[in-house]
Structures are given as C-alpha cells and as structure tokens.
C-alpha atoms as a PDB file:
ATOM      1  CA  MET A   1     127.805 125.864  59.223  1.00  0.00           C
ATOM      2  CA  THR A   2     128.253 127.245  62.820  1.00  0.00           C
ATOM      3  CA  GLN A   3     129.492 125.067  65.636  1.00  0.00           C
ATOM      4  CA  LEU A   4     126.269 124.381  67.229  1.00  0.00           C
ATOM      5  CA  LEU A   5     124.747 123.116  63.983  1.00  0.00           C
ATOM      6  CA  GLN A   6     127.987 120.249  63.712  1.00  0.00           C
ATOM      7  CA  PRO A   7     126.896 116.823  64.215  1.00  0.00           C
ATOM      8  CA  ARG A   8     128.829 116.120  67.276  1.00  0.00           C
ATOM      9  CA  HIS A   9     126.830 119.335  68.937  1.00  0.00           C
ATOM     10  CA  ARG A  10     123.675 117.888  67.795  1.00  0.00           C
ATOM     11  CA  LEU A  11     124.446 114.499  69.192  1.00  0.00           C
ATOM     12  CA  TYR A  12     125.463 116.133  72.501  1.00  0.00           C
ATOM     13  CA  GLN A  13     122.119 118.240  72.700  1.00  0.00           C
ATOM     14  CA  GLU A  14     119.754 115.163  71.855  1.00  0.00           C
ATOM     15  CA  LEU A  15     121.837 113.548  74.816  1.00  0.00           C
ATOM     16  CA  GLN A  16     120.915 116.533  77.263  1.00  0.00           C
ATOM     17  CA  GLN A  17     117.389 115.694  77.052  1.00  0.00           C
ATOM     18  CA  PRO A  18     115.410 113.522  79.951  1.00  0.00           C
ATOM     19  CA  PRO A  19     116.579 109.858  79.204  1.00  0.00           C
ATOM     20  CA  ASP A  20     113.040 108.760  78.306  1.00  0.00           C
ATOM     21  CA  GLN A  21     112.987 111.516  75.578  1.00  0.00           C
ATOM     22  CA  VAL A  22     116.139 110.588  73.725  1.00  0.00           C
ATOM     23  CA  ASN A  23     115.935 109.828  70.454  1.00  0.00           C
ATOM     24  CA  LEU A  24     118.347 106.836  70.160  1.00  0.00           C
ATOM     25  CA  ALA A  25     118.157 106.504  66.519  1.00  0.00           C
ATOM     26  CA  ARG A  26     118.692 110.290  66.000  1.00  0.00           C
ATOM     27  CA  ALA A  27     121.910 110.169  68.289  1.00  0.00           C
ATOM     28  CA  ALA A  28     123.161 107.619  66.442  1.00  0.00           C
ATOM     29  CA  LEU A  29     122.908 109.063  62.930  1.00  0.00           C
ATOM     30  CA  TYR A  30     124.498 112.240  64.505  1.00  0.00           C
ATOM     31  CA  ILE A  31     127.383 109.669  64.772  1.00  0.00           C
ATOM     32  CA  ALA A  32     127.037 108.516  61.330  1.00  0.00           C
ATOM     33  CA  GLU A  33     126.735 112.112  60.240  1.00  0.00           C
ATOM     34  CA  GLU A  34     130.657 112.837  60.784  1.00  0.00           C
ATOM     35  CA  GLU A  35     131.382 110.039  58.682  1.00  0.00           C
ATOM     36  CA  TYR A  36     128.529 111.112  56.093  1.00  0.00           C
ATOM     37  CA  PRO A  37     128.399 114.850  55.959  1.00  0.00           C
ATOM     38  CA  ASP A  38     125.598 114.578  53.560  1.00  0.00           C
ATOM     39  CA  LEU A  39     123.724 112.135  55.523  1.00  0.00           C
ATOM     40  CA  ASP A  40     119.846 113.033  55.332  1.00  0.00           C
ATOM     41  CA  VAL A  41     119.041 112.278  59.035  1.00  0.00           C
ATOM     42  CA  THR A  42     114.967 112.662  58.562  1.00  0.00           C
ATOM     43  CA  SER A  43     114.847 109.995  55.670  1.00  0.00           C
ATOM     44  CA  TYR A  44     116.363 107.470  57.727  1.00  0.00           C
ATOM     45  CA  LEU A  45     114.030 108.111  60.800  1.00  0.00           C
ATOM     46  CA  THR A  46     111.195 107.972  57.970  1.00  0.00           C
ATOM     47  CA  GLN A  47     112.343 104.651  57.106  1.00  0.00           C
ATOM     48  CA  LEU A  48     112.235 103.286  60.774  1.00  0.00           C
ATOM     49  CA  ASP A  49     108.639 104.558  61.002  1.00  0.00           C
ATOM     50  CA  THR A  50     107.784 103.041  57.630  1.00  0.00           C
ATOM     51  CA  MET A  51     109.348  99.812  59.014  1.00  0.00           C
ATOM     52  CA  ALA A  52     107.276 100.272  62.208  1.00  0.00           C
ATOM     53  CA  ALA A  53     104.076 100.447  60.500  1.00  0.00           C
ATOM     54  CA  ALA A  54     104.829  97.259  58.457  1.00  0.00           C
ATOM     55  CA  LEU A  55     105.355  95.473  61.436  1.00  0.00           C
ATOM     56  CA  LYS A  56     102.392  96.786  63.342  1.00  0.00           C
ATOM     57  CA  ARG A  57     100.293  94.853  60.414  1.00  0.00           C
ATOM     58  CA  ARG A  58     101.752  91.658  61.706  1.00  0.00           C
ATOM     59  CA  LEU A  59     101.686  91.951  65.216  1.00  0.00           C
ATOM     60  CA  PRO A  60      99.600  89.167  66.827  1.00  0.00           C
ATOM     61  CA  ALA A  61      95.857  90.098  68.162  1.00  0.00           C
ATOM     62  CA  GLN A  62      96.918  89.439  72.004  1.00  0.00           C
ATOM     63  CA  SER A  63     100.102  91.316  72.797  1.00  0.00           C
ATOM     64  CA  TYR A  64     101.569  88.869  74.968  1.00  0.00           C
ATOM     65  CA  PRO A  65     105.583  89.423  75.347  1.00  0.00           C
ATOM     66  CA  LEU A  66     107.037  85.991  73.628  1.00  0.00           C
ATOM     67  CA  LYS A  67     104.370  86.585  70.834  1.00  0.00           C
ATOM     68  CA  MET A  68     105.268  90.227  70.208  1.00  0.00           C
ATOM     69  CA  ILE A  69     109.068  89.306  70.365  1.00  0.00           C
ATOM     70  CA  GLY A  70     108.497  86.249  67.859  1.00  0.00           C
ATOM     71  CA  ALA A  71     106.341  88.891  65.718  1.00  0.00           C
ATOM     72  CA  ILE A  72     109.569  91.208  65.652  1.00  0.00           C
ATOM     73  CA  ASN A  73     111.797  88.298  64.976  1.00  0.00           C
ATOM     74  CA  GLN A  74     109.821  86.976  62.310  1.00  0.00           C
ATOM     75  CA  TYR A  75     109.557  90.487  60.323  1.00  0.00           C
ATOM     76  CA  LEU A  76     113.131  91.827  61.105  1.00  0.00           C
ATOM     77  CA  PHE A  77     115.026  88.758  60.520  1.00  0.00           C
ATOM     78  CA  GLU A  78     112.974  86.387  58.109  1.00  0.00           C
ATOM     79  CA  GLU A  79     111.176  89.299  56.043  1.00  0.00           C
ATOM     80  CA  LEU A  80     113.868  91.801  55.772  1.00  0.00           C
ATOM     81  CA  LYS A  81     116.904  89.708  56.255  1.00  0.00           C
ATOM     82  CA  PHE A  82     118.668  91.428  58.701  1.00  0.00           C
ATOM     83  CA  ARG A  83     121.549  89.415  60.084  1.00  0.00           C
ATOM     84  CA  GLY A  84     124.839  89.980  62.226  1.00  0.00           C
ATOM     85  CA  ASN A  85     128.053  90.539  60.004  1.00  0.00           C
ATOM     86  CA  GLN A  86     130.047  87.718  61.051  1.00  0.00           C
ATOM     87  CA  ALA A  87     132.058  87.828  57.926  1.00  0.00           C
ATOM     88  CA  ASP A  88     133.571  91.179  58.476  1.00  0.00           C
ATOM     89  CA  TYR A  89     132.741  92.008  61.957  1.00  0.00           C
ATOM     90  CA  TYR A  90     134.907  94.922  62.413  1.00  0.00           C
ATOM     91  CA  ASP A  91     133.652  96.912  59.468  1.00  0.00           C
ATOM     92  CA  PRO A  92     133.025 100.365  60.406  1.00  0.00           C
ATOM     93  CA  CYS A  93     130.054 100.458  58.516  1.00  0.00           C
ATOM     94  CA  ASN A  94     128.469  98.142  60.913  1.00  0.00           C
ATOM     95  CA  SER A  95     128.211 100.919  63.435  1.00  0.00           C
ATOM     96  CA  PHE A  96     126.563 103.466  61.281  1.00  0.00           C
ATOM     97  CA  LEU A  97     122.917 103.091  61.253  1.00  0.00           C
ATOM     98  CA  ASN A  98     122.499 104.477  57.999  1.00  0.00           C
ATOM     99  CA  ASP A  99     124.595 101.614  56.492  1.00  0.00           C
ATOM    100  CA  VAL A 100     123.211  98.984  58.649  1.00  0.00           C
ATOM    101  CA  LEU A 101     119.848 100.041  57.630  1.00  0.00           C
ATOM    102  CA  THR A 102     120.930  99.931  53.757  1.00  0.00           C
ATOM    103  CA  ARG A 103     122.979  96.670  54.007  1.00  0.00           C
ATOM    104  CA  ARG A 104     120.830  95.089  56.595  1.00  0.00           C
ATOM    105  CA  LEU A 105     124.127  93.936  58.403  1.00  0.00           C
ATOM    106  CA  GLY A 106     125.227  94.948  61.595  1.00  0.00           C
ATOM    107  CA  ILE A 107     126.900  94.159  65.186  1.00  0.00           C
ATOM    108  CA  PRO A 108     125.177  93.456  68.184  1.00  0.00           C
ATOM    109  CA  ILE A 109     124.571  97.167  69.261  1.00  0.00           C
ATOM    110  CA  SER A 110     123.357  98.468  65.914  1.00  0.00           C
ATOM    111  CA  LEU A 111     120.811  95.547  65.457  1.00  0.00           C
ATOM    112  CA  SER A 112     119.826  96.127  68.785  1.00  0.00           C
ATOM    113  CA  LEU A 113     119.094  99.632  68.551  1.00  0.00           C
ATOM    114  CA  ILE A 114     117.100  98.540  65.220  1.00  0.00           C
ATOM    115  CA  TYR A 115     115.176  96.215  67.389  1.00  0.00           C
ATOM    116  CA  LEU A 116     114.672  98.848  70.174  1.00  0.00           C
ATOM    117  CA  GLU A 117     113.272 101.440  67.816  1.00  0.00           C
ATOM    118  CA  LEU A 118     111.050  99.128  66.290  1.00  0.00           C
ATOM    119  CA  ALA A 119     109.490  97.944  69.474  1.00  0.00           C
ATOM    120  CA  GLY A 120     109.104 101.378  70.949  1.00  0.00           C
ATOM    121  CA  ARG A 121     107.006 102.563  67.766  1.00  0.00           C
ATOM    122  CA  VAL A 122     104.549  99.318  68.178  1.00  0.00           C
ATOM    123  CA  GLY A 123     104.507  99.927  71.831  1.00  0.00           C
ATOM    124  CA  PHE A 124     106.561  97.089  73.197  1.00  0.00           C
ATOM    125  CA  PRO A 125     108.771  99.049  75.674  1.00  0.00           C
ATOM    126  CA  MET A 126     112.251  97.511  75.547  1.00  0.00           C
ATOM    127  CA  ALA A 127     115.933  98.225  76.751  1.00  0.00           C
ATOM    128  CA  GLY A 128     119.530  97.842  75.771  1.00  0.00           C
ATOM    129  CA  VAL A 129     121.687  95.495  77.933  1.00  0.00           C
ATOM    130  CA  GLY A 130     125.528  96.089  77.874  1.00  0.00           C
ATOM    131  CA  MET A 131     126.757  92.546  78.302  1.00  0.00           C
ATOM    132  CA  PRO A 132     130.747  92.461  78.507  1.00  0.00           C
ATOM    133  CA  GLY A 133     131.505  91.675  74.829  1.00  0.00           C
ATOM    134  CA  HIS A 134     128.264  91.736  73.518  1.00  0.00           C
ATOM    135  CA  PHE A 135     124.880  93.493  73.504  1.00  0.00           C
ATOM    136  CA  LEU A 136     121.565  92.391  73.842  1.00  0.00           C
ATOM    137  CA  VAL A 137     117.896  94.030  74.467  1.00  0.00           C
ATOM    138  CA  ARG A 138     115.226  93.084  77.221  1.00  0.00           C
ATOM    139  CA  PRO A 139     111.540  93.829  77.779  1.00  0.00           C
ATOM    140  CA  THR A 140     110.988  96.506  80.561  1.00  0.00           C
ATOM    141  CA  LEU A 141     107.792  94.621  81.848  1.00  0.00           C
ATOM    142  CA  GLU A 142     108.570  94.113  85.630  1.00  0.00           C
ATOM    143  CA  ASP A 143     109.247  90.263  86.346  1.00  0.00           C
ATOM    144  CA  MET A 144     110.075  89.871  82.546  1.00  0.00           C
ATOM    145  CA  ALA A 145     114.034  88.393  82.976  1.00  0.00           C
ATOM    146  CA  ILE A 146     114.320  87.233  79.248  1.00  0.00           C
ATOM    147  CA  PHE A 147     116.656  88.635  76.894  1.00  0.00           C
ATOM    148  CA  VAL A 148     116.695  88.899  72.988  1.00  0.00           C
ATOM    149  CA  ASP A 149     120.063  88.704  71.002  1.00  0.00           C
ATOM    150  CA  PRO A 150     119.360  90.430  67.917  1.00  0.00           C
ATOM    151  CA  PHE A 151     122.672  89.633  66.656  1.00  0.00           C
ATOM    152  CA  HIS A 152     121.872  85.777  66.627  1.00  0.00           C
ATOM    153  CA  GLN A 153     118.362  86.338  64.790  1.00  0.00           C
ATOM    154  CA  GLY A 154     116.538  87.322  67.877  1.00  0.00           C
ATOM    155  CA  GLU A 155     117.188  84.421  70.162  1.00  0.00           C
ATOM    156  CA  ILE A 156     116.044  84.407  73.342  1.00  0.00           C
ATOM    157  CA  LEU A 157     117.987  83.819  76.617  1.00  0.00           C
ATOM    158  CA  PHE A 158     117.563  83.534  79.915  1.00  0.00           C
ATOM    159  CA  GLU A 159     120.082  84.675  82.621  1.00  0.00           C
ATOM    160  CA  GLN A 160     121.863  81.443  82.655  1.00  0.00           C
ATOM    161  CA  ASP A 161     122.208  81.333  79.185  1.00  0.00           C
ATOM    162  CA  CYS A 162     123.834  85.184  79.321  1.00  0.00           C
ATOM    163  CA  ARG A 163     126.331  83.672  81.727  1.00  0.00           C
ATOM    164  CA  ASP A 164     127.296  80.685  79.485  1.00  0.00           C
ATOM    165  CA  ARG A 165     127.565  83.394  76.682  1.00  0.00           C
ATOM    166  CA  CYS A 166     129.781  85.522  78.727  1.00  0.00           C
ATOM    167  CA  GLN A 167     132.119  82.451  79.534  1.00  0.00           C
ATOM    168  CA  GLN A 168     132.174  81.434  75.981  1.00  0.00           C
ATOM    169  CA  LEU A 169     133.775  84.800  74.983  1.00  0.00           C
ATOM    170  CA  PHE A 170     135.944  85.357  77.934  1.00  0.00           C
ATOM    171  CA  GLY A 171     136.765  81.986  79.765  1.00  0.00           C
ATOM    172  CA  GLN A 172     136.351  81.647  83.323  1.00  0.00           C
ATOM    173  CA  GLY A 173     138.258  85.176  83.673  1.00  0.00           C
ATOM    174  CA  ILE A 174     134.877  87.066  84.096  1.00  0.00           C
ATOM    175  CA  GLN A 175     132.130  86.965  86.168  1.00  0.00           C
ATOM    176  CA  LEU A 176     129.012  88.182  84.880  1.00  0.00           C
ATOM    177  CA  GLU A 177     127.451  90.523  87.639  1.00  0.00           C
ATOM    178  CA  PRO A 178     123.931  91.603  88.091  1.00  0.00           C
ATOM    179  CA  SER A 179     124.585  94.829  86.904  1.00  0.00           C
ATOM    180  CA  HIS A 180     125.646  93.654  83.403  1.00  0.00           C
ATOM    181  CA  LEU A 181     121.838  92.646  82.755  1.00  0.00           C
ATOM    182  CA  GLN A 182     120.364  95.653  83.533  1.00  0.00           C
ATOM    183  CA  PRO A 183     119.065  98.283  80.896  1.00  0.00           C
ATOM    184  CA  ILE A 184     121.551 101.104  80.410  1.00  0.00           C
ATOM    185  CA  SER A 185     120.934 104.666  79.848  1.00  0.00           C
ATOM    186  CA  PRO A 186     120.689 106.519  76.194  1.00  0.00           C
ATOM    187  CA  LYS A 187     124.241 108.319  76.954  1.00  0.00           C
ATOM    188  CA  THR A 188     125.743 104.784  78.032  1.00  0.00           C
ATOM    189  CA  PHE A 189     124.173 103.338  74.863  1.00  0.00           C
ATOM    190  CA  VAL A 190     126.018 105.896  72.683  1.00  0.00           C
ATOM    191  CA  VAL A 191     129.185 105.805  74.427  1.00  0.00           C
ATOM    192  CA  ARG A 192     129.463 102.318  73.952  1.00  0.00           C
ATOM    193  CA  MET A 193     128.718 102.584  70.066  1.00  0.00           C
ATOM    194  CA  LEU A 194     131.591 105.221  69.972  1.00  0.00           C
ATOM    195  CA  ALA A 195     133.712 103.052  72.090  1.00  0.00           C
ATOM    196  CA  ASN A 196     133.616 100.290  69.552  1.00  0.00           C
ATOM    197  CA  LEU A 197     134.336 102.716  66.721  1.00  0.00           C
ATOM    198  CA  LYS A 198     137.254 103.868  68.528  1.00  0.00           C
ATOM    199  CA  MET A 199     138.668 100.263  68.963  1.00  0.00           C
ATOM    200  CA  ILE A 200     137.710  99.557  65.092  1.00  0.00           C
ATOM    201  CA  TYR A 201     139.778 102.758  63.979  1.00  0.00           C
ATOM    202  CA  LEU A 202     142.501 101.956  66.425  1.00  0.00           C
ATOM    203  CA  GLN A 203     143.046  98.350  64.880  1.00  0.00           C
ATOM    204  CA  ARG A 204     142.831  99.863  61.530  1.00  0.00           C
ATOM    205  CA  ARG A 205     145.598 102.380  62.572  1.00  0.00           C
ATOM    206  CA  GLN A 206     143.073 105.407  61.735  1.00  0.00           C
ATOM    207  CA  ALA A 207     144.301 107.817  64.489  1.00  0.00           C
ATOM    208  CA  THR A 208     142.338 110.653  63.233  1.00  0.00           C
ATOM    209  CA  LYS A 209     139.160 108.875  63.582  1.00  0.00           C
ATOM    210  CA  ALA A 210     139.731 107.099  66.558  1.00  0.00           C
ATOM    211  CA  LEU A 211     140.463 110.489  68.186  1.00  0.00           C
ATOM    212  CA  ALA A 212     137.028 111.717  66.792  1.00  0.00           C
ATOM    213  CA  ALA A 213     135.133 109.130  68.464  1.00  0.00           C
ATOM    214  CA  ILE A 214     137.379 109.909  71.631  1.00  0.00           C
ATOM    215  CA  ASP A 215     136.437 113.280  71.460  1.00  0.00           C
ATOM    216  CA  ARG A 216     132.584 112.679  71.404  1.00  0.00           C
ATOM    217  CA  ILE A 217     132.931 109.966  74.172  1.00  0.00           C
ATOM    218  CA  LEU A 218     134.361 113.028  76.442  1.00  0.00           C
ATOM    219  CA  LEU A 219     131.803 115.302  75.262  1.00  0.00           C
ATOM    220  CA  ILE A 220     129.171 113.019  76.344  1.00  0.00           C
ATOM    221  CA  TYR A 221     130.865 111.567  79.518  1.00  0.00           C
ATOM    222  CA  PRO A 222     133.862 113.373  80.484  1.00  0.00           C
ATOM    223  CA  GLN A 223     134.285 111.310  83.724  1.00  0.00           C
ATOM    224  CA  ALA A 224     135.601 108.555  81.216  1.00  0.00           C
ATOM    225  CA  VAL A 225     139.115 109.077  82.580  1.00  0.00           C
ATOM    226  CA  SER A 226     140.731 105.939  80.584  1.00  0.00           C
ATOM    227  CA  GLU A 227     139.479 108.039  77.436  1.00  0.00           C
ATOM    228  CA  TRP A 228     141.909 111.185  78.507  1.00  0.00           C
ATOM    229  CA  ARG A 229     144.713 108.407  78.636  1.00  0.00           C
ATOM    230  CA  ASP A 230     143.837 106.754  75.499  1.00  0.00           C
ATOM    231  CA  ARG A 231     143.572 110.152  73.941  1.00  0.00           C
ATOM    232  CA  GLY A 232     146.829 111.266  75.443  1.00  0.00           C
ATOM    233  CA  LEU A 233     148.852 108.233  74.000  1.00  0.00           C
ATOM    234  CA  ILE A 234     147.377 108.746  70.589  1.00  0.00           C
ATOM    235  CA  TYR A 235     148.174 112.433  70.574  1.00  0.00           C
ATOM    236  CA  TYR A 236     152.045 111.184  71.731  1.00  0.00           C
ATOM    237  CA  GLN A 237     152.219 108.602  68.994  1.00  0.00           C
ATOM    238  CA  GLN A 238     151.377 111.410  66.386  1.00  0.00           C
ATOM    239  CA  GLY A 239     153.956 114.027  67.873  1.00  0.00           C
ATOM    240  CA  ASP A 240     151.417 116.365  69.315  1.00  0.00           C
ATOM    241  CA  LEU A 241     153.396 116.436  72.464  1.00  0.00           C
ATOM    242  CA  GLU A 242     151.602 119.683  74.136  1.00  0.00           C
ATOM    243  CA  GLN A 243     148.068 117.866  73.753  1.00  0.00           C
ATOM    244  CA  ALA A 244     149.551 114.567  75.138  1.00  0.00           C
ATOM    245  CA  ARG A 245     151.181 115.934  78.081  1.00  0.00           C
ATOM    246  CA  GLY A 246     147.756 117.755  78.987  1.00  0.00           C
ATOM    247  CA  ASP A 247     145.700 114.615  78.387  1.00  0.00           C
ATOM    248  CA  LEU A 248     148.011 112.481  80.597  1.00  0.00           C
ATOM    249  CA  GLN A 249     148.276 114.925  83.303  1.00  0.00           C
ATOM    250  CA  HIS A 250     144.519 114.965  83.610  1.00  0.00           C
ATOM    251  CA  TYR A 251     144.449 111.055  83.452  1.00  0.00           C
ATOM    252  CA  LEU A 252     146.644 111.223  86.778  1.00  0.00           C
ATOM    253  CA  GLN A 253     145.084 113.887  88.399  1.00  0.00           C
ATOM    254  CA  GLU A 254     141.831 111.930  88.296  1.00  0.00           C
ATOM    255  CA  SER A 255     143.208 108.267  88.723  1.00  0.00           C
ATOM    256  CA  PRO A 256     146.348 108.760  90.649  1.00  0.00           C
ATOM    257  CA  GLU A 257     146.242 105.296  91.792  1.00  0.00           C
ATOM    258  CA  ALA A 258     145.920 103.698  88.371  1.00  0.00           C
ATOM    259  CA  SER A 259     147.317 100.330  87.970  1.00  0.00           C
ATOM    260  CA  ASP A 260     149.407 101.938  84.950  1.00  0.00           C
ATOM    261  CA  SER A 261     150.464 105.402  86.689  1.00  0.00           C
ATOM    262  CA  PHE A 262     154.059 104.420  86.785  1.00  0.00           C
ATOM    263  CA  GLU A 263     153.909 103.815  82.753  1.00  0.00           C
ATOM    264  CA  ILE A 264     152.183 106.960  82.141  1.00  0.00           C
ATOM    265  CA  ARG A 265     154.619 109.251  84.323  1.00  0.00           C
ATOM    266  CA  GLN A 266     157.175 107.850  82.203  1.00  0.00           C
ATOM    267  CA  VAL A 267     155.431 109.084  79.107  1.00  0.00           C
ATOM    268  CA  ILE A 268     155.038 112.251  80.465  1.00  0.00           C
ATOM    269  CA  ASP A 269     158.843 112.451  81.524  1.00  0.00           C
ATOM    270  CA  GLN A 270     159.846 111.587  77.976  1.00  0.00           C
ATOM    271  CA  ILE A 271     157.424 113.968  76.590  1.00  0.00           C
ATOM    272  CA  GLU A 272     158.870 116.949  78.721  1.00  0.00           C
ATOM    273  CA  ARG A 273     162.319 115.834  77.712  1.00  0.00           C
ATOM    274  CA  LEU A 274     161.620 116.164  74.380  1.00  0.00           C
ATOM    275  CA  GLN A 275     159.940 119.473  74.646  1.00  0.00           C
ATOM    276  CA  ALA A 276     163.266 120.769  76.248  1.00  0.00           C
ATOM    277  CA  ASP A 277     165.197 119.718  73.909  1.00  0.00           C
ATOM    278  CA  ARG A 278     163.210 121.642  71.192  1.00  0.00           C
END
C-alpha cells in the first residue's frame, strides 16, 4: 500500500475539500481504519444510507424543526436504541464510528456525528457544536437557537441550559462564551475526535496510540502548538530524545511566552545533557 493510500492520508485528503463537501462519516471511518486495517468503509457509509432511508419513511408530513428533531430522536434512540455509554465512557470503541454503529453505544461527539449524518441525509441541515466538555448539535436554520444533546437521548436545550450544563461540568471556573455554541468546521470536528482518543490512550498508558492520534492532529492542523509540546513530552518519556527536543523546541519557538515555557526549557536542557553523555 502506497503512502497516499494509507488511512491518515485519505483522512487528510478528505479534509482538504471545501467544508460543505467534506464527508464527516468517511473521515471518522478513516480514523477508525488505523485501528481496524480491514475495515470496509463503504459498508458503514451504506449502513448510514439505509438508516436514513428508514428515517425518511418516519418523517412528519410537515417538516417543522421540532417535529423533525422528534422524529430523529424517536428513530435513533427509541427504535434503534442508540445511547451514551455512561458505564464505560472512556472505552476507545466509543470513538470509532464503526463500533458505535455496531454496538449502538457512543460518547457525545460520536453520537452527534451519527445524528448529523442522518439529519443531513433527510434534508434537515444541522451542525456540530463543540461546547467545552460536551458536544451538541444544532439546526443551521437562521434564528433557530436550540441545541440537541444526542448523548442524552436527543434532549432539547436552550442557551441557558447549555450554560447550566457547563457549570455542572466545571463549576464556576469556566464561562461559556458565545463562540462555544457556534457551529464548528469539519476539521475542528475531526481534531476534537482525535483529541478525545489521545486523552483516552494517555489515560491507558498506550503511548504509541496516543502518538498516532497526535500525528493526525498535526497533519490536519499543524498550528496546534500544544500538540507539539505533548508529542515532545511523550517522546521524552519514551527515550526518543532527538524527536523530543525537536518538538519541544518547535513549541517554544511558536509559543515563547507560554505559561509552561520555563518547565519545557528545563526538559530541553535535560535532554541536551543526556545527549552529551552518550
């Protein structure tokens, strides 16, 4: 298999298209393909098409937004029994679209992805909303300031509900900004999926898989300077000193006034001492 045919390069190519032409489900399946090399991407896209065709037969005669949302909720959560995996939230399978479709279990962003894919296929435009610590979807119709929470069975929220939920998650330490409730781009959506995987793998001490997630984030969004730092620190912990030094130096070059710049410089000094002793 040539380099350009590898999953992460297919992912990169998918995201180079204009935002309104990016197939988010395909991009998510390319993420899963690194975990499942034999994954049949087309079969899962066809499964979404089949689900959307069944949903169309259940749509109300009048396509008012709240009725459309109600029909999607009825089909996805009551009929198909999709639900948030609260028992094992940090299972990596919750982030792989093929697993979520098969097990009907997911986390907010993966369930939101399925919700978006079905809504788009039945002509009801919606977009993802990357709220801190959670993920929602919202109609893209003008003056339609409502939000849907696929992790909680399609619960309908208003802006104040979102603020309340943010405070439940973080206390008074964070204020929900208007930008947090705006639709996000396909690239931002995919980067957030990969960032979730990165954190899961770090918690599980699976450094190689965490590195693979970071590599893909930087392939998509090289300006994510904190990812250079995190990758450099993982390389340092693994003893790959040359790679670690390069990434950490890049981090300081791009963010010289970072709050952790002193600590990162200390790590670089330690790396250089270790290299000198070799």
